[in-house]
Amino acid sequence: MSDDAERKMQFLYALRSRGVTDKAVLTAMEKIDRAAFIRHYFTDRAYDDMPLPIACGQTISQPSVVGLMTQALQLSPRDKVLEIGTGSGYQAAILSQLVRRVYTVDRHRRLVLEAREVFERLGLVNITAFTADGSHGLPDQAPFDRIVVTAAAEDPPGPLLAQLKIGGIMVLPVGQSDTVQRLIRVTRGEDGFDYDELRPVRFVPLVEGMGKET
């Protein structure tokens, strides 16, 4: 077995051992090479289950957390999904394998441009990436079947809740500090929202406004 094949096997084993059991999610994570989204001297850590630094003071999330968040969305192939916090583009690329359409926004123009280049290189044609203030969502494309937020807010932002379809699901980290955050799943029903706590996590904060370089 080649080194690459062995690393990929270990990568998938690590995902399963941390609770990522959905076969479609595991297949998507096997197909999308995390190394494509990591630059410079961190590329040799691409298959490690750890967050890594990217540009603009952001991080590419730990693969097992990406897998668990994707799994928690309970995706179906017809879904239209909004991602808040494009970052490296890795989460959006995973989603692109599982749903009809992915819209992703980030406040940092540089990250959006770099992610677009990777999407193009990988032939991922069902992702549209925007530079925008993610706390407002994407009203022009709403409503969404699923919303995933890859930065922590104190509470689920009102505009995002409003852009979720009846029966839709949003997965996001919430918490008032870097040290105490919970991953939650919000399901929109006819009469309001149901909240499920999933697990403790650590994410960068959700910041309103645009990145300095835009």
C-alpha atoms as a PDB file:
ATOM      1  CA  MET A   1       0.000   0.000   0.000  1.00  0.00           C
ATOM      2  CA  SER A   2       1.307   3.471  -0.885  1.00  0.00           C
ATOM      3  CA  ASP A   3       1.960   6.030   1.847  1.00  0.00           C
ATOM      4  CA  ASP A   4      -0.889   8.193   0.524  1.00  0.00           C
ATOM      5  CA  ALA A   5      -3.366   5.307   0.563  1.00  0.00           C
ATOM      6  CA  GLU A   6      -2.330   4.374   4.087  1.00  0.00           C
ATOM      7  CA  ARG A   7      -2.679   7.963   5.309  1.00  0.00           C
ATOM      8  CA  LYS A   8      -6.138   8.168   3.758  1.00  0.00           C
ATOM      9  CA  MET A   9      -7.174   4.920   5.448  1.00  0.00           C
ATOM     10  CA  GLN A  10      -5.943   6.233   8.804  1.00  0.00           C
ATOM     11  CA  PHE A  11      -7.747   9.517   8.126  1.00  0.00           C
ATOM     12  CA  LEU A  12     -11.064   7.722   7.530  1.00  0.00           C
ATOM     13  CA  TYR A  13     -10.509   5.484  10.548  1.00  0.00           C
ATOM     14  CA  ALA A  14      -9.941   8.584  12.720  1.00  0.00           C
ATOM     15  CA  LEU A  15     -13.180  10.109  11.420  1.00  0.00           C
ATOM     16  CA  ARG A  16     -15.166   6.964  12.221  1.00  0.00           C
ATOM     17  CA  SER A  17     -13.616   6.634  15.673  1.00  0.00           C
ATOM     18  CA  ARG A  18     -14.727  10.198  16.478  1.00  0.00           C
ATOM     19  CA  GLY A  19     -18.339   9.564  15.488  1.00  0.00           C
ATOM     20  CA  VAL A  20     -18.532  10.293  11.753  1.00  0.00           C
ATOM     21  CA  THR A  21     -20.520   7.233  10.662  1.00  0.00           C
ATOM     22  CA  ASP A  22     -22.673   8.486   7.762  1.00  0.00           C
ATOM     23  CA  LYS A  23     -21.456   6.614   4.681  1.00  0.00           C
ATOM     24  CA  ALA A  24     -22.208   9.434   2.236  1.00  0.00           C
ATOM     25  CA  VAL A  25     -20.282  11.921   4.397  1.00  0.00           C
ATOM     26  CA  LEU A  26     -17.301   9.562   4.701  1.00  0.00           C
ATOM     27  CA  THR A  27     -17.310   9.007   0.914  1.00  0.00           C
ATOM     28  CA  ALA A  28     -17.324  12.777   0.310  1.00  0.00           C
ATOM     29  CA  MET A  29     -14.456  13.241   2.761  1.00  0.00           C
ATOM     30  CA  GLU A  30     -12.490  10.476   1.087  1.00  0.00           C
ATOM     31  CA  LYS A  31     -13.012  12.074  -2.335  1.00  0.00           C
ATOM     32  CA  ILE A  32     -12.171  15.686  -1.406  1.00  0.00           C
ATOM     33  CA  ASP A  33      -8.456  15.981  -0.658  1.00  0.00           C
ATOM     34  CA  ARG A  34      -7.968  18.292   2.344  1.00  0.00           C
ATOM     35  CA  ALA A  35      -4.404  19.001   1.165  1.00  0.00           C
ATOM     36  CA  ALA A  36      -5.840  21.028  -1.743  1.00  0.00           C
ATOM     37  CA  PHE A  37      -7.099  23.601   0.779  1.00  0.00           C
ATOM     38  CA  ILE A  38      -3.913  23.948   2.832  1.00  0.00           C
ATOM     39  CA  ARG A  39      -0.938  26.045   1.806  1.00  0.00           C
ATOM     40  CA  HIS A  40       2.767  26.195   2.489  1.00  0.00           C
ATOM     41  CA  TYR A  41       4.405  24.025   5.117  1.00  0.00           C
ATOM     42  CA  PHE A  42       1.169  22.738   6.673  1.00  0.00           C
ATOM     43  CA  THR A  43       0.333  20.499   3.696  1.00  0.00           C
ATOM     44  CA  ASP A  44       2.072  17.505   5.294  1.00  0.00           C
ATOM     45  CA  ARG A  45      -0.448  17.738   8.178  1.00  0.00           C
ATOM     46  CA  ALA A  46      -3.460  17.567   5.838  1.00  0.00           C
ATOM     47  CA  TYR A  47      -4.557  14.131   7.041  1.00  0.00           C
ATOM     48  CA  ASP A  48      -4.110  14.908  10.745  1.00  0.00           C
ATOM     49  CA  ASP A  49      -7.310  15.415  12.709  1.00  0.00           C
ATOM     50  CA  MET A  50      -6.467  18.924  13.831  1.00  0.00           C
ATOM     51  CA  PRO A  51      -7.304  22.507  12.843  1.00  0.00           C
ATOM     52  CA  LEU A  52      -4.594  24.327  10.872  1.00  0.00           C
ATOM     53  CA  PRO A  53      -3.919  28.021  10.262  1.00  0.00           C
ATOM     54  CA  ILE A  54      -4.910  29.645   6.960  1.00  0.00           C
ATOM     55  CA  ALA A  55      -4.743  33.264   5.758  1.00  0.00           C
ATOM     56  CA  CYS A  56      -6.488  36.230   7.442  1.00  0.00           C
ATOM     57  CA  GLY A  57      -6.006  34.801  10.940  1.00  0.00           C
ATOM     58  CA  GLN A  58      -8.520  32.011  10.285  1.00  0.00           C
ATOM     59  CA  THR A  59      -8.286  28.211  10.505  1.00  0.00           C
ATOM     60  CA  ILE A  60      -9.293  25.172   8.491  1.00  0.00           C
ATOM     61  CA  SER A  61     -11.417  23.115  10.860  1.00  0.00           C
ATOM     62  CA  GLN A  62     -10.495  19.750  12.303  1.00  0.00           C
ATOM     63  CA  PRO A  63     -11.745  17.106   9.798  1.00  0.00           C
ATOM     64  CA  SER A  64     -13.745  15.179  12.402  1.00  0.00           C
ATOM     65  CA  VAL A  65     -15.625  18.386  13.304  1.00  0.00           C
ATOM     66  CA  VAL A  66     -16.311  19.054   9.600  1.00  0.00           C
ATOM     67  CA  GLY A  67     -17.627  15.493   9.336  1.00  0.00           C
ATOM     68  CA  LEU A  68     -19.792  15.744  12.451  1.00  0.00           C
ATOM     69  CA  MET A  69     -21.265  19.094  11.362  1.00  0.00           C
ATOM     70  CA  THR A  70     -21.974  17.753   7.872  1.00  0.00           C
ATOM     71  CA  GLN A  71     -23.564  14.636   9.326  1.00  0.00           C
ATOM     72  CA  ALA A  72     -25.699  16.717  11.726  1.00  0.00           C
ATOM     73  CA  LEU A  73     -27.208  18.623   8.776  1.00  0.00           C
ATOM     74  CA  GLN A  74     -28.979  15.413   7.623  1.00  0.00           C
ATOM     75  CA  LEU A  75     -28.468  16.375   3.983  1.00  0.00           C
ATOM     76  CA  SER A  76     -30.359  15.180   0.941  1.00  0.00           C
ATOM     77  CA  PRO A  77     -29.272  15.465  -2.710  1.00  0.00           C
ATOM     78  CA  ARG A  78     -31.873  18.154  -3.587  1.00  0.00           C
ATOM     79  CA  ASP A  79     -30.860  20.521  -0.780  1.00  0.00           C
ATOM     80  CA  LYS A  80     -29.761  24.115  -1.261  1.00  0.00           C
ATOM     81  CA  VAL A  81     -27.241  24.942   1.469  1.00  0.00           C
ATOM     82  CA  LEU A  82     -25.817  28.207   2.822  1.00  0.00           C
ATOM     83  CA  GLU A  83     -22.422  28.167   4.517  1.00  0.00           C
ATOM     84  CA  ILE A  84     -21.351  31.145   6.633  1.00  0.00           C
ATOM     85  CA  GLY A  85     -17.555  31.318   6.804  1.00  0.00           C
ATOM     86  CA  THR A  86     -15.968  29.977   3.607  1.00  0.00           C
ATOM     87  CA  GLY A  87     -12.489  29.957   5.127  1.00  0.00           C
ATOM     88  CA  SER A  88     -10.339  27.565   3.121  1.00  0.00           C
ATOM     89  CA  GLY A  89     -13.354  26.234   1.191  1.00  0.00           C
ATOM     90  CA  TYR A  90     -12.959  22.695   2.548  1.00  0.00           C
ATOM     91  CA  GLN A  91     -16.391  22.462   4.209  1.00  0.00           C
ATOM     92  CA  ALA A  92     -18.120  23.825   1.086  1.00  0.00           C
ATOM     93  CA  ALA A  93     -16.304  21.268  -1.071  1.00  0.00           C
ATOM     94  CA  ILE A  94     -17.519  18.418   1.163  1.00  0.00           C
ATOM     95  CA  LEU A  95     -21.072  19.783   0.986  1.00  0.00           C
ATOM     96  CA  SER A  96     -20.853  20.037  -2.816  1.00  0.00           C
ATOM     97  CA  GLN A  97     -20.617  16.242  -3.031  1.00  0.00           C
ATOM     98  CA  LEU A  98     -23.835  15.758  -1.081  1.00  0.00           C
ATOM     99  CA  VAL A  99     -26.303  18.454  -2.183  1.00  0.00           C
ATOM    100  CA  ARG A 100     -27.622  20.247  -5.267  1.00  0.00           C
ATOM    101  CA  ARG A 101     -26.244  23.730  -4.589  1.00  0.00           C
ATOM    102  CA  VAL A 102     -23.899  25.375  -2.075  1.00  0.00           C
ATOM    103  CA  TYR A 103     -23.741  29.107  -1.429  1.00  0.00           C
ATOM    104  CA  THR A 104     -20.837  30.153   0.761  1.00  0.00           C
ATOM    105  CA  VAL A 105     -19.938  33.597   2.108  1.00  0.00           C
ATOM    106  CA  ASP A 106     -16.926  35.026   3.921  1.00  0.00           C
ATOM    107  CA  ARG A 107     -16.038  38.540   5.075  1.00  0.00           C
ATOM    108  CA  HIS A 108     -12.455  38.129   3.813  1.00  0.00           C
ATOM    109  CA  ARG A 109     -12.171  38.701   0.067  1.00  0.00           C
ATOM    110  CA  ARG A 110      -8.786  36.974  -0.125  1.00  0.00           C
ATOM    111  CA  LEU A 111     -10.204  33.738   1.308  1.00  0.00           C
ATOM    112  CA  VAL A 112     -13.126  33.773  -1.135  1.00  0.00           C
ATOM    113  CA  LEU A 113     -10.806  34.307  -4.128  1.00  0.00           C
ATOM    114  CA  GLU A 114      -8.447  31.531  -3.014  1.00  0.00           C
ATOM    115  CA  ALA A 115     -11.345  29.146  -2.338  1.00  0.00           C
ATOM    116  CA  ARG A 116     -12.830  29.872  -5.775  1.00  0.00           C
ATOM    117  CA  GLU A 117      -9.518  28.931  -7.388  1.00  0.00           C
ATOM    118  CA  VAL A 118      -9.526  25.567  -5.582  1.00  0.00           C
ATOM    119  CA  PHE A 119     -13.181  24.897  -6.483  1.00  0.00           C
ATOM    120  CA  GLU A 120     -12.359  25.592 -10.132  1.00  0.00           C
ATOM    121  CA  ARG A 121      -9.271  23.383 -10.051  1.00  0.00           C
ATOM    122  CA  LEU A 122     -11.288  20.510  -8.547  1.00  0.00           C
ATOM    123  CA  GLY A 123     -14.184  21.007 -10.986  1.00  0.00           C
ATOM    124  CA  LEU A 124     -16.729  21.778  -8.238  1.00  0.00           C
ATOM    125  CA  VAL A 125     -19.311  23.634 -10.310  1.00  0.00           C
ATOM    126  CA  ASN A 126     -22.219  23.690  -7.823  1.00  0.00           C
ATOM    127  CA  ILE A 127     -20.571  26.105  -5.338  1.00  0.00           C
ATOM    128  CA  THR A 128     -21.067  29.880  -5.482  1.00  0.00           C
ATOM    129  CA  ALA A 129     -18.755  31.885  -3.202  1.00  0.00           C
ATOM    130  CA  PHE A 130     -19.408  35.504  -2.199  1.00  0.00           C
ATOM    131  CA  THR A 131     -17.564  38.122  -0.180  1.00  0.00           C
ATOM    132  CA  ALA A 132     -20.218  39.341   2.272  1.00  0.00           C
ATOM    133  CA  ASP A 133     -21.023  39.900   5.940  1.00  0.00           C
ATOM    134  CA  GLY A 134     -22.135  36.406   6.902  1.00  0.00           C
ATOM    135  CA  SER A 135     -24.111  37.557   9.941  1.00  0.00           C
ATOM    136  CA  HIS A 136     -26.763  38.816   7.483  1.00  0.00           C
ATOM    137  CA  GLY A 137     -26.898  35.553   5.552  1.00  0.00           C
ATOM    138  CA  LEU A 138     -27.761  35.739   1.858  1.00  0.00           C
ATOM    139  CA  PRO A 139     -31.325  37.099   1.617  1.00  0.00           C
ATOM    140  CA  ASP A 140     -31.328  37.179  -2.207  1.00  0.00           C
ATOM    141  CA  GLN A 141     -30.980  33.380  -2.352  1.00  0.00           C
ATOM    142  CA  ALA A 142     -33.160  32.507   0.676  1.00  0.00           C
ATOM    143  CA  PRO A 143     -34.811  30.373   1.862  1.00  0.00           C
ATOM    144  CA  PHE A 144     -32.317  27.536   2.389  1.00  0.00           C
ATOM    145  CA  ASP A 145     -32.897  23.868   3.198  1.00  0.00           C
ATOM    146  CA  ARG A 146     -29.775  23.815   5.357  1.00  0.00           C
ATOM    147  CA  ILE A 147     -27.439  26.432   6.869  1.00  0.00           C
ATOM    148  CA  VAL A 148     -24.044  25.721   8.420  1.00  0.00           C
ATOM    149  CA  VAL A 149     -22.053  28.347  10.332  1.00  0.00           C
ATOM    150  CA  THR A 150     -18.324  27.786  10.835  1.00  0.00           C
ATOM    151  CA  ALA A 151     -17.780  30.589  13.371  1.00  0.00           C
ATOM    152  CA  ALA A 152     -19.205  30.961  16.866  1.00  0.00           C
ATOM    153  CA  ALA A 153     -21.954  33.449  17.744  1.00  0.00           C
ATOM    154  CA  GLU A 154     -23.445  34.105  21.192  1.00  0.00           C
ATOM    155  CA  ASP A 155     -26.838  33.049  19.817  1.00  0.00           C
ATOM    156  CA  PRO A 156     -28.081  31.836  16.418  1.00  0.00           C
ATOM    157  CA  PRO A 157     -28.273  35.065  14.340  1.00  0.00           C
ATOM    158  CA  GLY A 158     -31.856  36.198  13.655  1.00  0.00           C
ATOM    159  CA  PRO A 159     -31.320  36.820   9.916  1.00  0.00           C
ATOM    160  CA  LEU A 160     -30.043  33.256   9.475  1.00  0.00           C
ATOM    161  CA  LEU A 161     -32.983  31.756  11.360  1.00  0.00           C
ATOM    162  CA  ALA A 162     -35.318  33.778   9.107  1.00  0.00           C
ATOM    163  CA  GLN A 163     -33.628  32.397   5.964  1.00  0.00           C
ATOM    164  CA  LEU A 164     -34.186  28.755   6.979  1.00  0.00           C
ATOM    165  CA  LYS A 165     -37.054  26.896   5.317  1.00  0.00           C
ATOM    166  CA  ILE A 166     -39.802  25.275   7.388  1.00  0.00           C
ATOM    167  CA  GLY A 167     -38.360  21.822   8.076  1.00  0.00           C
ATOM    168  CA  GLY A 168     -34.850  23.188   7.507  1.00  0.00           C
ATOM    169  CA  ILE A 169     -31.819  22.574   9.724  1.00  0.00           C
ATOM    170  CA  MET A 170     -29.019  24.900  10.814  1.00  0.00           C
ATOM    171  CA  VAL A 171     -25.859  23.653  12.542  1.00  0.00           C
ATOM    172  CA  LEU A 172     -23.590  26.156  14.284  1.00  0.00           C
ATOM    173  CA  PRO A 173     -21.319  26.686  17.288  1.00  0.00           C
ATOM    174  CA  VAL A 174     -22.649  29.032  19.973  1.00  0.00           C
ATOM    175  CA  GLY A 175     -20.864  30.439  22.985  1.00  0.00           C
ATOM    176  CA  GLN A 176     -19.726  33.665  24.590  1.00  0.00           C
ATOM    177  CA  SER A 177     -16.039  32.857  24.715  1.00  0.00           C
ATOM    178  CA  ASP A 178     -13.316  30.841  23.002  1.00  0.00           C
ATOM    179  CA  THR A 179     -13.341  28.334  25.831  1.00  0.00           C
ATOM    180  CA  VAL A 180     -17.040  27.471  26.197  1.00  0.00           C
ATOM    181  CA  GLN A 181     -18.793  26.732  22.924  1.00  0.00           C
ATOM    182  CA  ARG A 182     -21.415  24.144  22.031  1.00  0.00           C
ATOM    183  CA  LEU A 183     -22.271  22.810  18.612  1.00  0.00           C
ATOM    184  CA  ILE A 184     -26.052  23.005  18.236  1.00  0.00           C
ATOM    185  CA  ARG A 185     -28.603  21.916  15.652  1.00  0.00           C
ATOM    186  CA  VAL A 186     -31.609  24.167  15.077  1.00  0.00           C
ATOM    187  CA  THR A 187     -34.639  22.695  13.292  1.00  0.00           C
ATOM    188  CA  ARG A 188     -37.330  25.064  12.044  1.00  0.00           C
ATOM    189  CA  GLY A 189     -40.867  23.783  12.570  1.00  0.00           C
ATOM    190  CA  GLU A 190     -44.254  25.277  11.734  1.00  0.00           C
ATOM    191  CA  ASP A 191     -44.462  26.803  15.214  1.00  0.00           C
ATOM    192  CA  GLY A 192     -40.876  27.854  15.880  1.00  0.00           C
ATOM    193  CA  PHE A 193     -37.421  26.404  16.409  1.00  0.00           C
ATOM    194  CA  ASP A 194     -36.158  23.290  18.195  1.00  0.00           C
ATOM    195  CA  TYR A 195     -32.600  23.249  19.563  1.00  0.00           C
ATOM    196  CA  ASP A 196     -30.366  20.211  20.135  1.00  0.00           C
ATOM    197  CA  GLU A 197     -26.942  20.419  21.790  1.00  0.00           C
ATOM    198  CA  LEU A 198     -24.468  18.128  20.024  1.00  0.00           C
ATOM    199  CA  ARG A 199     -20.995  18.502  21.545  1.00  0.00           C
ATOM    200  CA  PRO A 200     -18.380  20.994  22.845  1.00  0.00           C
ATOM    201  CA  VAL A 201     -16.302  22.694  20.123  1.00  0.00           C
ATOM    202  CA  ARG A 202     -13.896  25.602  19.571  1.00  0.00           C
ATOM    203  CA  PHE A 203     -14.307  27.966  16.628  1.00  0.00           C
ATOM    204  CA  VAL A 204     -13.183  31.462  15.714  1.00  0.00           C
ATOM    205  CA  PRO A 205     -15.853  34.077  16.539  1.00  0.00           C
ATOM    206  CA  LEU A 206     -18.502  35.187  14.050  1.00  0.00           C
ATOM    207  CA  VAL A 207     -17.617  38.831  13.352  1.00  0.00           C
ATOM    208  CA  GLU A 208     -19.958  41.360  11.801  1.00  0.00           C
ATOM    209  CA  GLY A 209     -18.758  43.602   8.981  1.00  0.00           C
ATOM    210  CA  MET A 210     -16.190  43.001   6.255  1.00  0.00           C
ATOM    211  CA  GLY A 211     -12.544  41.999   6.472  1.00  0.00           C
ATOM    212  CA  LYS A 212     -10.024  44.860   6.353  1.00  0.00           C
ATOM    213  CA  GLU A 213      -8.639  43.953   2.943  1.00  0.00           C
ATOM    214  CA  THR A 214     -12.035  44.247   1.217  1.00  0.00           C
END
